[in-house]
Amino acid sequence: MATREQLDQLRLAPRAKTGAVLLNERFPDIQFTSGLRDTRAQARVMASNQLRKPFWIKNTYIHGRDLQQLIDAQGPQLLTQVALQEFIQNWLESRSVEDLAGFSRHLGGYAFDIKPIVDHKGDTTALGFDVLAFVHTVVLPEKFLQWEGGLQVWHLQFIPTEEV
């Protein structure tokens, strides 16, 4: 079970933190893999996933098409993790707070990811199905994704609000 300090380190907004606490209490073996991200951490994750799966940004983010087009226009200049991460970070930092809030809920602490509960083939296990049912009936996130742009990621995001 994650300790209170470990959950605090996710730096989640109250509603998302409530969801994480509920999950942690019911399924103590869940592994939280991310919470609030600054633009540097968000750019690192985005660059890594984009390099693993071209068009990941366009396929993952509602507002990712513009960024994907800018990346594509750069061509081979952005084929390394460092170059792509820097490019994405600069792009994120050029956006308004409102744009960022609509781009990724991680940037405001309204999202967290957990390690997918799957077998060696990537199929959801019985425990995983129990977690999914709990998420959809008790935690009630705004959105729960098992896949993002072709990559298996269990992502829970919540509507930005301070209500718990």
N, C-alpha and C. Protein backbone atom coordinates (compact mmCIF):
# COMPACT_ATOMS: atom_id res chain seq x y z
N MET A 1 0.85 -1.18 0.00
CA MET A 1 0.00 0.00 0.00
C MET A 1 0.89 1.24 0.00
N ALA A 2 0.50 2.21 -0.82
CA ALA A 2 1.23 3.47 -0.82
C ALA A 2 0.97 4.18 0.51
N THR A 3 2.00 4.76 1.05
CA THR A 3 1.84 5.52 2.29
C THR A 3 1.21 6.87 1.99
N ARG A 4 0.77 7.54 3.02
CA ARG A 4 0.22 8.89 2.88
C ARG A 4 1.24 9.81 2.23
N GLU A 5 2.52 9.65 2.63
CA GLU A 5 3.58 10.48 2.06
C GLU A 5 3.75 10.20 0.57
N GLN A 6 3.67 8.94 0.16
CA GLN A 6 3.81 8.59 -1.25
C GLN A 6 2.65 9.16 -2.06
N LEU A 7 1.45 9.11 -1.50
CA LEU A 7 0.31 9.71 -2.19
C LEU A 7 0.47 11.23 -2.26
N ASP A 8 1.00 11.83 -1.18
CA ASP A 8 1.24 13.27 -1.19
C ASP A 8 2.25 13.66 -2.27
N GLN A 9 3.22 12.78 -2.53
CA GLN A 9 4.24 13.07 -3.53
C GLN A 9 3.68 13.14 -4.95
N LEU A 10 2.49 12.58 -5.15
CA LEU A 10 1.84 12.69 -6.46
C LEU A 10 1.37 14.13 -6.71
N ARG A 11 1.23 14.91 -5.63
CA ARG A 11 0.82 16.32 -5.67
C ARG A 11 -0.47 16.53 -6.45
N LEU A 12 -1.46 15.75 -6.11
CA LEU A 12 -2.73 15.80 -6.81
C LEU A 12 -3.66 16.85 -6.24
N ALA A 13 -4.53 17.38 -7.10
CA ALA A 13 -5.60 18.26 -6.66
C ALA A 13 -6.56 17.42 -5.81
N PRO A 14 -7.34 18.06 -4.96
CA PRO A 14 -8.18 17.31 -4.01
C PRO A 14 -9.05 16.21 -4.62
N ARG A 15 -9.74 16.47 -5.70
CA ARG A 15 -10.62 15.45 -6.28
C ARG A 15 -9.82 14.26 -6.78
N ALA A 16 -8.72 14.50 -7.46
CA ALA A 16 -7.89 13.40 -7.96
C ALA A 16 -7.26 12.64 -6.80
N LYS A 17 -6.86 13.37 -5.76
CA LYS A 17 -6.26 12.71 -4.60
C LYS A 17 -7.28 11.80 -3.92
N THR A 18 -8.52 12.24 -3.84
CA THR A 18 -9.57 11.39 -3.27
C THR A 18 -9.67 10.10 -4.06
N GLY A 19 -9.64 10.18 -5.38
CA GLY A 19 -9.68 8.99 -6.22
C GLY A 19 -8.50 8.08 -5.97
N ALA A 20 -7.31 8.65 -5.83
CA ALA A 20 -6.11 7.86 -5.58
C ALA A 20 -6.19 7.17 -4.22
N VAL A 21 -6.68 7.88 -3.22
CA VAL A 21 -6.81 7.30 -1.87
C VAL A 21 -7.81 6.14 -1.90
N LEU A 22 -8.94 6.33 -2.55
CA LEU A 22 -9.94 5.25 -2.65
C LEU A 22 -9.34 4.01 -3.31
N LEU A 23 -8.64 4.21 -4.41
CA LEU A 23 -8.00 3.08 -5.10
C LEU A 23 -6.97 2.40 -4.21
N ASN A 24 -6.17 3.20 -3.56
CA ASN A 24 -5.11 2.68 -2.71
C ASN A 24 -5.67 1.87 -1.53
N GLU A 25 -6.76 2.36 -0.95
CA GLU A 25 -7.36 1.66 0.18
C GLU A 25 -7.98 0.33 -0.26
N ARG A 26 -8.62 0.31 -1.41
CA ARG A 26 -9.30 -0.90 -1.88
C ARG A 26 -8.32 -1.89 -2.52
N PHE A 27 -7.30 -1.36 -3.22
CA PHE A 27 -6.31 -2.20 -3.92
C PHE A 27 -4.91 -1.75 -3.52
N PRO A 28 -4.45 -2.19 -2.37
CA PRO A 28 -3.18 -1.69 -1.83
C PRO A 28 -1.94 -2.03 -2.67
N ASP A 29 -2.05 -2.96 -3.60
CA ASP A 29 -0.89 -3.32 -4.43
C ASP A 29 -0.79 -2.50 -5.72
N ILE A 30 -1.73 -1.59 -5.93
CA ILE A 30 -1.67 -0.73 -7.12
C ILE A 30 -0.39 0.10 -7.08
N GLN A 31 0.21 0.27 -8.24
CA GLN A 31 1.42 1.09 -8.34
C GLN A 31 1.08 2.37 -9.08
N PHE A 32 1.20 3.48 -8.40
CA PHE A 32 0.99 4.79 -9.02
C PHE A 32 2.26 5.16 -9.77
N THR A 33 2.11 5.57 -11.03
CA THR A 33 3.30 5.87 -11.84
C THR A 33 3.46 7.36 -12.13
N SER A 34 2.42 8.15 -11.92
CA SER A 34 2.57 9.59 -12.10
C SER A 34 1.38 10.33 -11.53
N GLY A 35 1.60 11.61 -11.29
CA GLY A 35 0.56 12.51 -10.81
C GLY A 35 0.76 13.85 -11.48
N LEU A 36 0.87 14.91 -10.66
CA LEU A 36 1.12 16.25 -11.18
C LEU A 36 2.47 16.26 -11.89
N ARG A 37 2.51 16.91 -13.04
CA ARG A 37 3.76 17.09 -13.77
C ARG A 37 3.96 18.57 -14.08
N ASP A 38 5.21 19.02 -14.00
CA ASP A 38 5.52 20.34 -14.51
C ASP A 38 5.77 20.19 -16.02
N THR A 39 6.02 21.29 -16.71
CA THR A 39 6.17 21.21 -18.17
C THR A 39 7.37 20.37 -18.57
N ARG A 40 8.42 20.37 -17.76
CA ARG A 40 9.59 19.56 -18.09
C ARG A 40 9.27 18.07 -18.01
N ALA A 41 8.61 17.65 -16.95
CA ALA A 41 8.24 16.24 -16.80
C ALA A 41 7.23 15.83 -17.86
N GLN A 42 6.28 16.71 -18.15
CA GLN A 42 5.29 16.40 -19.19
C GLN A 42 5.98 16.25 -20.54
N ALA A 43 6.91 17.13 -20.84
CA ALA A 43 7.64 17.05 -22.12
C ALA A 43 8.47 15.78 -22.20
N ARG A 44 9.07 15.36 -21.08
CA ARG A 44 9.86 14.13 -21.07
C ARG A 44 9.00 12.92 -21.42
N VAL A 45 7.83 12.81 -20.80
CA VAL A 45 6.93 11.70 -21.06
C VAL A 45 6.42 11.74 -22.50
N MET A 46 6.03 12.92 -22.93
CA MET A 46 5.50 13.05 -24.29
C MET A 46 6.55 12.70 -25.33
N ALA A 47 7.78 13.16 -25.13
CA ALA A 47 8.86 12.86 -26.09
C ALA A 47 9.15 11.37 -26.13
N SER A 48 9.23 10.75 -24.98
CA SER A 48 9.49 9.31 -24.92
C SER A 48 8.42 8.52 -25.66
N ASN A 49 7.17 8.84 -25.40
CA ASN A 49 6.07 8.12 -26.05
C ASN A 49 6.00 8.41 -27.54
N GLN A 50 6.27 9.64 -27.92
CA GLN A 50 6.26 10.02 -29.34
C GLN A 50 7.36 9.27 -30.10
N LEU A 51 8.52 9.11 -29.50
CA LEU A 51 9.61 8.39 -30.16
C LEU A 51 9.28 6.90 -30.28
N ARG A 52 8.58 6.35 -29.29
CA ARG A 52 8.18 4.94 -29.33
C ARG A 52 7.06 4.70 -30.32
N LYS A 53 6.20 5.68 -30.48
CA LYS A 53 4.99 5.51 -31.30
C LYS A 53 4.75 6.81 -32.07
N PRO A 54 5.28 6.94 -33.30
CA PRO A 54 5.05 8.16 -34.07
C PRO A 54 3.56 8.49 -34.15
N PHE A 55 3.25 9.75 -34.10
CA PHE A 55 1.89 10.28 -34.10
C PHE A 55 1.18 10.07 -32.76
N TRP A 56 1.95 9.67 -31.73
CA TRP A 56 1.36 9.46 -30.41
C TRP A 56 0.71 10.74 -29.90
N ILE A 57 1.36 11.87 -30.08
CA ILE A 57 0.82 13.14 -29.58
C ILE A 57 -0.51 13.45 -30.26
N LYS A 58 -0.56 13.34 -31.56
CA LYS A 58 -1.79 13.61 -32.30
C LYS A 58 -2.91 12.65 -31.89
N ASN A 59 -2.55 11.39 -31.63
CA ASN A 59 -3.55 10.38 -31.30
C ASN A 59 -3.97 10.39 -29.83
N THR A 60 -3.22 11.08 -28.99
CA THR A 60 -3.49 11.06 -27.55
C THR A 60 -4.20 12.32 -27.07
N TYR A 61 -3.79 13.46 -27.55
CA TYR A 61 -4.28 14.73 -27.03
C TYR A 61 -5.31 15.36 -27.96
N ILE A 62 -6.41 15.80 -27.40
CA ILE A 62 -7.44 16.45 -28.19
C ILE A 62 -6.85 17.63 -28.95
N HIS A 63 -5.98 18.37 -28.31
CA HIS A 63 -5.37 19.54 -28.94
C HIS A 63 -3.93 19.25 -29.40
N GLY A 64 -3.64 18.00 -29.67
CA GLY A 64 -2.28 17.62 -30.05
C GLY A 64 -1.95 17.76 -31.52
N ARG A 65 -2.94 17.96 -32.35
CA ARG A 65 -2.70 18.03 -33.80
C ARG A 65 -1.72 19.14 -34.18
N ASP A 66 -1.89 20.33 -33.58
CA ASP A 66 -1.00 21.44 -33.91
C ASP A 66 0.44 21.12 -33.52
N LEU A 67 0.63 20.59 -32.33
CA LEU A 67 1.98 20.23 -31.88
C LEU A 67 2.56 19.14 -32.78
N GLN A 68 1.75 18.16 -33.14
CA GLN A 68 2.23 17.09 -34.02
C GLN A 68 2.70 17.65 -35.36
N GLN A 69 1.96 18.60 -35.90
CA GLN A 69 2.34 19.21 -37.18
C GLN A 69 3.67 19.95 -37.05
N LEU A 70 3.87 20.65 -35.94
CA LEU A 70 5.14 21.35 -35.73
C LEU A 70 6.30 20.36 -35.61
N ILE A 71 6.06 19.26 -34.91
CA ILE A 71 7.10 18.23 -34.77
C ILE A 71 7.42 17.64 -36.13
N ASP A 72 6.40 17.29 -36.89
CA ASP A 72 6.61 16.70 -38.21
C ASP A 72 7.38 17.64 -39.13
N ALA A 73 7.10 18.94 -39.02
CA ALA A 73 7.78 19.93 -39.86
C ALA A 73 9.27 20.02 -39.55
N GLN A 74 9.67 19.68 -38.34
CA GLN A 74 11.08 19.73 -37.95
C GLN A 74 11.88 18.57 -38.52
N GLY A 75 11.19 17.49 -38.87
CA GLY A 75 11.86 16.33 -39.46
C GLY A 75 12.90 15.71 -38.56
N PRO A 76 14.04 15.35 -39.15
CA PRO A 76 15.06 14.60 -38.41
C PRO A 76 15.72 15.38 -37.27
N GLN A 77 15.49 16.66 -37.17
CA GLN A 77 16.08 17.44 -36.07
C GLN A 77 15.56 16.99 -34.71
N LEU A 78 14.40 16.33 -34.70
CA LEU A 78 13.77 15.95 -33.43
C LEU A 78 13.72 14.43 -33.24
N LEU A 79 14.75 13.76 -33.66
CA LEU A 79 14.76 12.30 -33.55
C LEU A 79 15.43 11.78 -32.28
N THR A 80 15.89 12.68 -31.42
CA THR A 80 16.47 12.23 -30.15
C THR A 80 15.56 12.65 -29.01
N GLN A 81 15.66 11.93 -27.91
CA GLN A 81 14.85 12.24 -26.73
C GLN A 81 15.10 13.67 -26.27
N VAL A 82 16.37 14.06 -26.21
CA VAL A 82 16.71 15.39 -25.70
C VAL A 82 16.15 16.49 -26.59
N ALA A 83 16.34 16.36 -27.89
CA ALA A 83 15.87 17.40 -28.81
C ALA A 83 14.34 17.51 -28.81
N LEU A 84 13.69 16.35 -28.86
CA LEU A 84 12.23 16.37 -28.88
C LEU A 84 11.67 16.88 -27.56
N GLN A 85 12.25 16.46 -26.45
CA GLN A 85 11.79 16.93 -25.15
C GLN A 85 11.94 18.44 -25.04
N GLU A 86 13.05 18.96 -25.45
CA GLU A 86 13.26 20.41 -25.38
C GLU A 86 12.26 21.16 -26.26
N PHE A 87 12.02 20.64 -27.44
CA PHE A 87 11.06 21.26 -28.35
C PHE A 87 9.66 21.29 -27.72
N ILE A 88 9.23 20.15 -27.18
CA ILE A 88 7.90 20.06 -26.57
C ILE A 88 7.82 20.96 -25.34
N GLN A 89 8.87 20.96 -24.52
CA GLN A 89 8.85 21.81 -23.33
C GLN A 89 8.73 23.27 -23.72
N ASN A 90 9.48 23.70 -24.71
CA ASN A 90 9.38 25.10 -25.16
C ASN A 90 7.97 25.41 -25.67
N TRP A 91 7.38 24.45 -26.39
CA TRP A 91 6.02 24.65 -26.88
C TRP A 91 5.04 24.76 -25.72
N LEU A 92 5.15 23.86 -24.75
CA LEU A 92 4.26 23.91 -23.58
C LEU A 92 4.41 25.22 -22.83
N GLU A 93 5.64 25.66 -22.65
CA GLU A 93 5.89 26.89 -21.89
C GLU A 93 5.44 28.15 -22.63
N SER A 94 5.21 28.03 -23.93
CA SER A 94 4.72 29.17 -24.70
C SER A 94 3.19 29.28 -24.65
N ARG A 95 2.52 28.30 -24.07
CA ARG A 95 1.07 28.26 -23.99
C ARG A 95 0.58 28.99 -22.76
N SER A 96 -0.64 29.44 -22.82
CA SER A 96 -1.25 30.09 -21.65
C SER A 96 -1.64 29.02 -20.62
N VAL A 97 -1.90 29.47 -19.41
CA VAL A 97 -2.34 28.57 -18.34
C VAL A 97 -3.63 27.87 -18.76
N GLU A 98 -4.52 28.61 -19.41
CA GLU A 98 -5.79 28.03 -19.87
C GLU A 98 -5.55 26.95 -20.91
N ASP A 99 -4.63 27.20 -21.85
CA ASP A 99 -4.30 26.20 -22.87
C ASP A 99 -3.74 24.94 -22.23
N LEU A 100 -2.84 25.12 -21.27
CA LEU A 100 -2.23 23.97 -20.61
C LEU A 100 -3.26 23.15 -19.84
N ALA A 101 -4.21 23.84 -19.19
CA ALA A 101 -5.24 23.14 -18.44
C ALA A 101 -6.09 22.26 -19.36
N GLY A 102 -6.28 22.71 -20.59
CA GLY A 102 -7.04 21.93 -21.55
C GLY A 102 -6.22 20.91 -22.30
N PHE A 103 -4.92 20.99 -22.16
CA PHE A 103 -4.04 20.08 -22.91
C PHE A 103 -3.81 18.77 -22.16
N SER A 104 -3.42 18.85 -20.90
CA SER A 104 -3.19 17.65 -20.10
C SER A 104 -3.58 17.92 -18.66
N ARG A 105 -4.41 17.05 -18.12
CA ARG A 105 -4.83 17.19 -16.73
C ARG A 105 -3.67 16.96 -15.76
N HIS A 106 -2.60 16.28 -16.22
CA HIS A 106 -1.42 16.10 -15.37
C HIS A 106 -0.81 17.44 -14.98
N LEU A 107 -0.92 18.43 -15.86
CA LEU A 107 -0.29 19.72 -15.61
C LEU A 107 -0.97 20.51 -14.49
N GLY A 108 -2.16 20.10 -14.09
CA GLY A 108 -2.84 20.76 -12.99
C GLY A 108 -3.07 19.85 -11.79
N GLY A 109 -2.55 18.63 -11.85
CA GLY A 109 -2.74 17.69 -10.75
C GLY A 109 -4.08 16.98 -10.76
N TYR A 110 -4.79 17.06 -11.88
CA TYR A 110 -6.10 16.42 -11.99
C TYR A 110 -6.05 15.09 -12.73
N ALA A 111 -4.87 14.48 -12.79
CA ALA A 111 -4.74 13.17 -13.43
C ALA A 111 -3.62 12.40 -12.75
N PHE A 112 -3.78 11.08 -12.77
CA PHE A 112 -2.70 10.21 -12.34
C PHE A 112 -2.77 8.92 -13.16
N ASP A 113 -1.65 8.26 -13.22
CA ASP A 113 -1.55 7.00 -13.94
C ASP A 113 -1.21 5.90 -12.95
N ILE A 114 -1.71 4.71 -13.24
CA ILE A 114 -1.34 3.53 -12.46
C ILE A 114 -0.79 2.50 -13.42
N LYS A 115 0.06 1.63 -12.90
CA LYS A 115 0.62 0.56 -13.72
C LYS A 115 -0.51 -0.36 -14.15
N PRO A 116 -0.63 -0.63 -15.46
CA PRO A 116 -1.69 -1.54 -15.92
C PRO A 116 -1.60 -2.90 -15.23
N ILE A 117 -2.74 -3.45 -14.91
CA ILE A 117 -2.79 -4.75 -14.24
C ILE A 117 -3.14 -5.78 -15.32
N VAL A 118 -2.08 -6.26 -15.95
CA VAL A 118 -2.19 -7.14 -17.10
C VAL A 118 -1.24 -8.32 -16.97
N ASP A 119 -1.50 -9.34 -17.77
CA ASP A 119 -0.60 -10.50 -17.79
C ASP A 119 0.54 -10.25 -18.78
N HIS A 120 1.36 -11.27 -18.99
CA HIS A 120 2.54 -11.12 -19.85
C HIS A 120 2.18 -10.83 -21.31
N LYS A 121 0.94 -11.10 -21.70
CA LYS A 121 0.50 -10.82 -23.07
C LYS A 121 -0.14 -9.44 -23.19
N GLY A 122 -0.31 -8.76 -22.07
CA GLY A 122 -0.94 -7.44 -22.08
C GLY A 122 -2.44 -7.48 -21.89
N ASP A 123 -2.97 -8.65 -21.57
CA ASP A 123 -4.40 -8.79 -21.33
C ASP A 123 -4.72 -8.47 -19.86
N THR A 124 -5.82 -7.78 -19.65
CA THR A 124 -6.24 -7.43 -18.29
C THR A 124 -6.50 -8.70 -17.49
N THR A 125 -5.97 -8.73 -16.27
CA THR A 125 -6.15 -9.88 -15.38
C THR A 125 -7.47 -9.76 -14.63
N ALA A 126 -7.82 -10.80 -13.87
CA ALA A 126 -9.03 -10.76 -13.05
C ALA A 126 -8.97 -9.60 -12.06
N LEU A 127 -7.81 -9.42 -11.43
CA LEU A 127 -7.65 -8.29 -10.52
C LEU A 127 -7.80 -6.97 -11.27
N GLY A 128 -7.26 -6.92 -12.47
CA GLY A 128 -7.39 -5.72 -13.29
C GLY A 128 -8.84 -5.39 -13.57
N PHE A 129 -9.65 -6.41 -13.87
CA PHE A 129 -11.08 -6.17 -14.11
C PHE A 129 -11.77 -5.68 -12.84
N ASP A 130 -11.34 -6.18 -11.68
CA ASP A 130 -11.89 -5.68 -10.41
C ASP A 130 -11.56 -4.20 -10.24
N VAL A 131 -10.33 -3.82 -10.57
CA VAL A 131 -9.92 -2.42 -10.48
C VAL A 131 -10.76 -1.57 -11.44
N LEU A 132 -10.92 -2.04 -12.67
CA LEU A 132 -11.71 -1.30 -13.65
C LEU A 132 -13.14 -1.08 -13.16
N ALA A 133 -13.75 -2.11 -12.62
CA ALA A 133 -15.12 -1.98 -12.11
C ALA A 133 -15.17 -0.96 -10.97
N PHE A 134 -14.20 -1.00 -10.08
CA PHE A 134 -14.14 -0.07 -8.96
C PHE A 134 -13.97 1.36 -9.46
N VAL A 135 -13.10 1.54 -10.43
CA VAL A 135 -12.88 2.87 -11.01
C VAL A 135 -14.18 3.42 -11.56
N HIS A 136 -14.92 2.59 -12.29
CA HIS A 136 -16.14 3.06 -12.96
C HIS A 136 -17.35 3.18 -12.05
N THR A 137 -17.33 2.54 -10.88
CA THR A 137 -18.49 2.60 -9.99
C THR A 137 -18.26 3.41 -8.72
N VAL A 138 -17.00 3.56 -8.30
CA VAL A 138 -16.72 4.25 -7.05
C VAL A 138 -15.86 5.50 -7.27
N VAL A 139 -14.76 5.36 -7.97
CA VAL A 139 -13.83 6.48 -8.15
C VAL A 139 -14.43 7.54 -9.07
N LEU A 140 -15.06 7.13 -10.14
CA LEU A 140 -15.78 7.99 -11.07
C LEU A 140 -14.95 9.15 -11.64
N PRO A 141 -13.86 8.83 -12.32
CA PRO A 141 -13.10 9.91 -12.97
C PRO A 141 -13.87 10.45 -14.17
N GLU A 142 -13.47 11.63 -14.62
CA GLU A 142 -14.05 12.19 -15.84
C GLU A 142 -13.74 11.25 -17.01
N LYS A 143 -12.52 10.71 -17.00
CA LYS A 143 -12.09 9.83 -18.08
C LYS A 143 -11.13 8.79 -17.52
N PHE A 144 -11.28 7.57 -18.00
CA PHE A 144 -10.33 6.50 -17.67
C PHE A 144 -9.90 5.88 -18.98
N LEU A 145 -8.60 5.88 -19.21
CA LEU A 145 -8.06 5.30 -20.43
C LEU A 145 -7.17 4.11 -20.10
N GLN A 146 -7.29 3.05 -20.87
CA GLN A 146 -6.39 1.91 -20.75
C GLN A 146 -5.30 1.97 -21.82
N TRP A 147 -5.53 2.78 -22.83
CA TRP A 147 -4.58 2.95 -23.92
C TRP A 147 -4.52 4.43 -24.26
N GLU A 148 -3.32 4.91 -24.54
CA GLU A 148 -3.13 6.28 -25.01
C GLU A 148 -2.27 6.23 -26.26
N GLY A 149 -2.85 6.59 -27.38
CA GLY A 149 -2.10 6.63 -28.63
C GLY A 149 -1.40 5.34 -28.97
N GLY A 150 -2.01 4.21 -28.65
CA GLY A 150 -1.43 2.91 -28.97
C GLY A 150 -0.53 2.33 -27.90
N LEU A 151 -0.33 3.03 -26.80
CA LEU A 151 0.49 2.52 -25.70
C LEU A 151 -0.41 2.18 -24.52
N GLN A 152 -0.12 1.06 -23.86
CA GLN A 152 -0.94 0.64 -22.73
C GLN A 152 -0.56 1.45 -21.50
N VAL A 153 -1.46 2.35 -21.12
CA VAL A 153 -1.29 3.25 -19.99
C VAL A 153 -2.64 3.34 -19.30
N TRP A 154 -2.70 3.14 -17.99
CA TRP A 154 -3.96 3.31 -17.28
C TRP A 154 -3.95 4.71 -16.68
N HIS A 155 -4.79 5.54 -17.23
CA HIS A 155 -4.82 6.97 -16.93
C HIS A 155 -6.19 7.37 -16.41
N LEU A 156 -6.21 8.01 -15.26
CA LEU A 156 -7.45 8.53 -14.69
C LEU A 156 -7.34 10.03 -14.63
N GLN A 157 -8.36 10.70 -15.15
CA GLN A 157 -8.36 12.17 -15.06
C GLN A 157 -9.70 12.65 -14.56
N PHE A 158 -9.63 13.81 -13.90
CA PHE A 158 -10.78 14.35 -13.20
C PHE A 158 -11.06 15.76 -13.67
N ILE A 159 -12.31 16.17 -13.59
CA ILE A 159 -12.70 17.53 -13.96
C ILE A 159 -12.04 18.49 -12.97
N PRO A 160 -11.39 19.53 -13.48
CA PRO A 160 -10.77 20.50 -12.58
C PRO A 160 -11.79 21.19 -11.69
N THR A 161 -11.73 20.85 -10.42
CA THR A 161 -12.60 21.43 -9.42
C THR A 161 -11.95 21.17 -8.06
N GLU A 162 -12.25 21.99 -7.13
CA GLU A 162 -11.70 21.78 -5.79
C GLU A 162 -12.68 21.05 -4.90
N GLU A 163 -13.85 20.71 -5.44
CA GLU A 163 -14.84 19.99 -4.65
C GLU A 163 -14.41 18.55 -4.46
N VAL A 164 -14.65 18.02 -3.30
CA VAL A 164 -14.29 16.63 -3.02
C VAL A 164 -15.55 15.83 -2.76
